[in-house]
Amino acid sequence: MITYVNFKDKNDTNVFVIKDNDKCMVQRKSVISGKMQSLILPITIEQCIQYYENRQLVQDVFPHLSDGQREYMVTGITPLEWDTHMSETDDNISDEEYGRMVGIA
């Protein structure tokens, strides 16, 4: 059975989650490129509710995900997009600049 759920992140951006069996496809807009991205992750709808609706910390809700996968859940930046973007920019990005990029500064 396929389940489709729409969430809003902290910046009021739509996050679409499609569950099929034991994995979910998460679709959301990247804060770097503005493009819709998709990743298939080993997560549940219940975890998405804890993170997007109950605003629990990403590392607490998804401890089994890699840092790159958790970054995607927060910002929509895929690991590949992160590597590509960061290789094209200064490796010493400040916390303040990162905060502006992801809308939290």
C-alpha atoms as a PDB file:
ATOM      1  CA  MET A   1       0.000   0.000   0.000  1.00  0.00           C
ATOM      2  CA  ILE A   2       1.320   3.439  -0.937  1.00  0.00           C
ATOM      3  CA  THR A   3       0.812   6.358   1.465  1.00  0.00           C
ATOM      4  CA  TYR A   4       1.293  10.013   0.495  1.00  0.00           C
ATOM      5  CA  VAL A   5       1.693  12.772   3.110  1.00  0.00           C
ATOM      6  CA  ASN A   6       2.487  16.488   2.811  1.00  0.00           C
ATOM      7  CA  PHE A   7       4.392  18.239   5.612  1.00  0.00           C
ATOM      8  CA  LYS A   8       5.654  21.795   6.121  1.00  0.00           C
ATOM      9  CA  ASP A   9       9.200  22.361   7.324  1.00  0.00           C
ATOM     10  CA  LYS A  10      10.331  25.121   9.712  1.00  0.00           C
ATOM     11  CA  ASN A  11      10.461  27.580   6.792  1.00  0.00           C
ATOM     12  CA  ASP A  12       6.912  26.674   5.702  1.00  0.00           C
ATOM     13  CA  THR A  13       8.237  24.816   2.649  1.00  0.00           C
ATOM     14  CA  ASN A  14       6.319  21.785   1.404  1.00  0.00           C
ATOM     15  CA  VAL A  15       7.871  18.385   2.003  1.00  0.00           C
ATOM     16  CA  PHE A  16       6.210  15.456   0.251  1.00  0.00           C
ATOM     17  CA  VAL A  17       6.643  11.935   1.613  1.00  0.00           C
ATOM     18  CA  ILE A  18       5.546   8.860  -0.314  1.00  0.00           C
ATOM     19  CA  LYS A  19       5.740   5.594   1.622  1.00  0.00           C
ATOM     20  CA  ASP A  20       5.960   2.242  -0.096  1.00  0.00           C
ATOM     21  CA  ASN A  21       6.764  -0.830   1.992  1.00  0.00           C
ATOM     22  CA  ASP A  22       9.719  -0.114   4.308  1.00  0.00           C
ATOM     23  CA  LYS A  23      11.096   3.044   2.665  1.00  0.00           C
ATOM     24  CA  CYS A  24       9.927   6.554   1.959  1.00  0.00           C
ATOM     25  CA  MET A  25      10.642   8.824  -0.968  1.00  0.00           C
ATOM     26  CA  VAL A  26      11.068  12.359   0.344  1.00  0.00           C
ATOM     27  CA  GLN A  27      10.620  15.226  -2.133  1.00  0.00           C
ATOM     28  CA  ARG A  28      11.534  18.755  -1.178  1.00  0.00           C
ATOM     29  CA  LYS A  29      13.053  21.933  -2.582  1.00  0.00           C
ATOM     30  CA  SER A  30      16.782  22.540  -2.174  1.00  0.00           C
ATOM     31  CA  VAL A  31      17.690  25.773  -0.415  1.00  0.00           C
ATOM     32  CA  ILE A  32      20.780  26.043  -2.647  1.00  0.00           C
ATOM     33  CA  SER A  33      19.352  25.460  -6.128  1.00  0.00           C
ATOM     34  CA  GLY A  34      15.617  25.907  -5.583  1.00  0.00           C
ATOM     35  CA  LYS A  35      15.060  22.626  -7.457  1.00  0.00           C
ATOM     36  CA  MET A  36      12.772  19.877  -6.266  1.00  0.00           C
ATOM     37  CA  GLN A  37      14.909  16.946  -5.129  1.00  0.00           C
ATOM     38  CA  SER A  38      14.001  13.358  -4.230  1.00  0.00           C
ATOM     39  CA  LEU A  39      15.700  10.793  -2.020  1.00  0.00           C
ATOM     40  CA  ILE A  40      14.562   7.332  -1.008  1.00  0.00           C
ATOM     41  CA  LEU A  41      15.341   6.839   2.662  1.00  0.00           C
ATOM     42  CA  PRO A  42      14.838   4.095   5.278  1.00  0.00           C
ATOM     43  CA  ILE A  43      12.416   6.149   7.369  1.00  0.00           C
ATOM     44  CA  THR A  44       8.778   5.984   8.423  1.00  0.00           C
ATOM     45  CA  ILE A  45       5.841   8.359   8.210  1.00  0.00           C
ATOM     46  CA  GLU A  46       5.773   8.351  12.015  1.00  0.00           C
ATOM     47  CA  GLN A  47       9.353   9.645  12.111  1.00  0.00           C
ATOM     48  CA  CYS A  48       8.414  12.382   9.634  1.00  0.00           C
ATOM     49  CA  ILE A  49       5.550  13.409  11.932  1.00  0.00           C
ATOM     50  CA  GLN A  50       7.973  13.572  14.888  1.00  0.00           C
ATOM     51  CA  TYR A  51      10.370  15.741  12.889  1.00  0.00           C
ATOM     52  CA  TYR A  52       8.158  17.988  10.740  1.00  0.00           C
ATOM     53  CA  GLU A  53       5.082  18.344  12.962  1.00  0.00           C
ATOM     54  CA  ASN A  54       6.400  17.833  16.490  1.00  0.00           C
ATOM     55  CA  ARG A  55       9.667  19.680  15.682  1.00  0.00           C
ATOM     56  CA  GLN A  56      11.945  17.146  17.353  1.00  0.00           C
ATOM     57  CA  LEU A  57      15.664  17.307  16.525  1.00  0.00           C
ATOM     58  CA  VAL A  58      16.672  15.646  13.258  1.00  0.00           C
ATOM     59  CA  GLN A  59      19.518  13.709  14.923  1.00  0.00           C
ATOM     60  CA  ASP A  60      17.127  12.352  17.559  1.00  0.00           C
ATOM     61  CA  VAL A  61      14.429  11.278  15.089  1.00  0.00           C
ATOM     62  CA  PHE A  62      16.774   9.900  12.408  1.00  0.00           C
ATOM     63  CA  PRO A  63      19.917   8.652  14.215  1.00  0.00           C
ATOM     64  CA  HIS A  64      20.360   5.887  11.628  1.00  0.00           C
ATOM     65  CA  LEU A  65      20.656   8.304   8.690  1.00  0.00           C
ATOM     66  CA  SER A  66      23.997   9.650   7.483  1.00  0.00           C
ATOM     67  CA  ASP A  67      24.893  13.294   8.033  1.00  0.00           C
ATOM     68  CA  GLY A  68      24.141  13.956   4.358  1.00  0.00           C
ATOM     69  CA  GLN A  69      20.732  12.299   4.571  1.00  0.00           C
ATOM     70  CA  ARG A  70      19.847  14.310   7.678  1.00  0.00           C
ATOM     71  CA  GLU A  71      21.005  17.498   5.923  1.00  0.00           C
ATOM     72  CA  TYR A  72      18.577  16.628   3.146  1.00  0.00           C
ATOM     73  CA  MET A  73      15.709  16.267   5.622  1.00  0.00           C
ATOM     74  CA  VAL A  74      16.493  19.766   6.982  1.00  0.00           C
ATOM     75  CA  THR A  75      17.433  21.716   3.835  1.00  0.00           C
ATOM     76  CA  GLY A  76      16.590  19.653   0.751  1.00  0.00           C
ATOM     77  CA  ILE A  77      20.266  19.604  -0.223  1.00  0.00           C
ATOM     78  CA  THR A  78      21.218  16.129  -1.471  1.00  0.00           C
ATOM     79  CA  PRO A  79      24.661  14.754  -0.622  1.00  0.00           C
ATOM     80  CA  LEU A  80      25.650  15.078  -4.299  1.00  0.00           C
ATOM     81  CA  GLU A  81      24.440  18.687  -4.497  1.00  0.00           C
ATOM     82  CA  TRP A  82      26.305  19.503  -1.264  1.00  0.00           C
ATOM     83  CA  ASP A  83      29.553  18.035  -2.597  1.00  0.00           C
ATOM     84  CA  THR A  84      29.150  19.821  -5.931  1.00  0.00           C
ATOM     85  CA  HIS A  85      28.249  23.181  -4.394  1.00  0.00           C
ATOM     86  CA  MET A  86      30.888  23.073  -1.690  1.00  0.00           C
ATOM     87  CA  SER A  87      33.634  22.126  -4.167  1.00  0.00           C
ATOM     88  CA  GLU A  88      32.735  25.258  -6.157  1.00  0.00           C
ATOM     89  CA  THR A  89      32.775  27.594  -3.157  1.00  0.00           C
ATOM     90  CA  ASP A  90      35.062  28.435  -0.283  1.00  0.00           C
ATOM     91  CA  ASP A  91      35.521  25.406   1.968  1.00  0.00           C
ATOM     92  CA  ASN A  92      35.556  27.725   4.984  1.00  0.00           C
ATOM     93  CA  ILE A  93      31.903  28.759   4.910  1.00  0.00           C
ATOM     94  CA  SER A  94      30.959  30.560   8.107  1.00  0.00           C
ATOM     95  CA  ASP A  95      28.151  29.448  10.390  1.00  0.00           C
ATOM     96  CA  GLU A  96      26.407  32.766   9.714  1.00  0.00           C
ATOM     97  CA  GLU A  97      26.598  32.307   5.939  1.00  0.00           C
ATOM     98  CA  TYR A  98      25.333  28.721   6.235  1.00  0.00           C
ATOM     99  CA  GLY A  99      22.456  29.982   8.406  1.00  0.00           C
ATOM    100  CA  ARG A 100      21.472  32.489   5.744  1.00  0.00           C
ATOM    101  CA  MET A 101      21.612  29.777   3.057  1.00  0.00           C
ATOM    102  CA  VAL A 102      19.237  27.506   4.933  1.00  0.00           C
ATOM    103  CA  GLY A 103      16.989  30.276   6.248  1.00  0.00           C
ATOM    104  CA  ILE A 104      17.797  30.110   9.959  1.00  0.00           C
ATOM    105  CA  ALA A 105      19.950  33.227  10.426  1.00  0.00           C
END
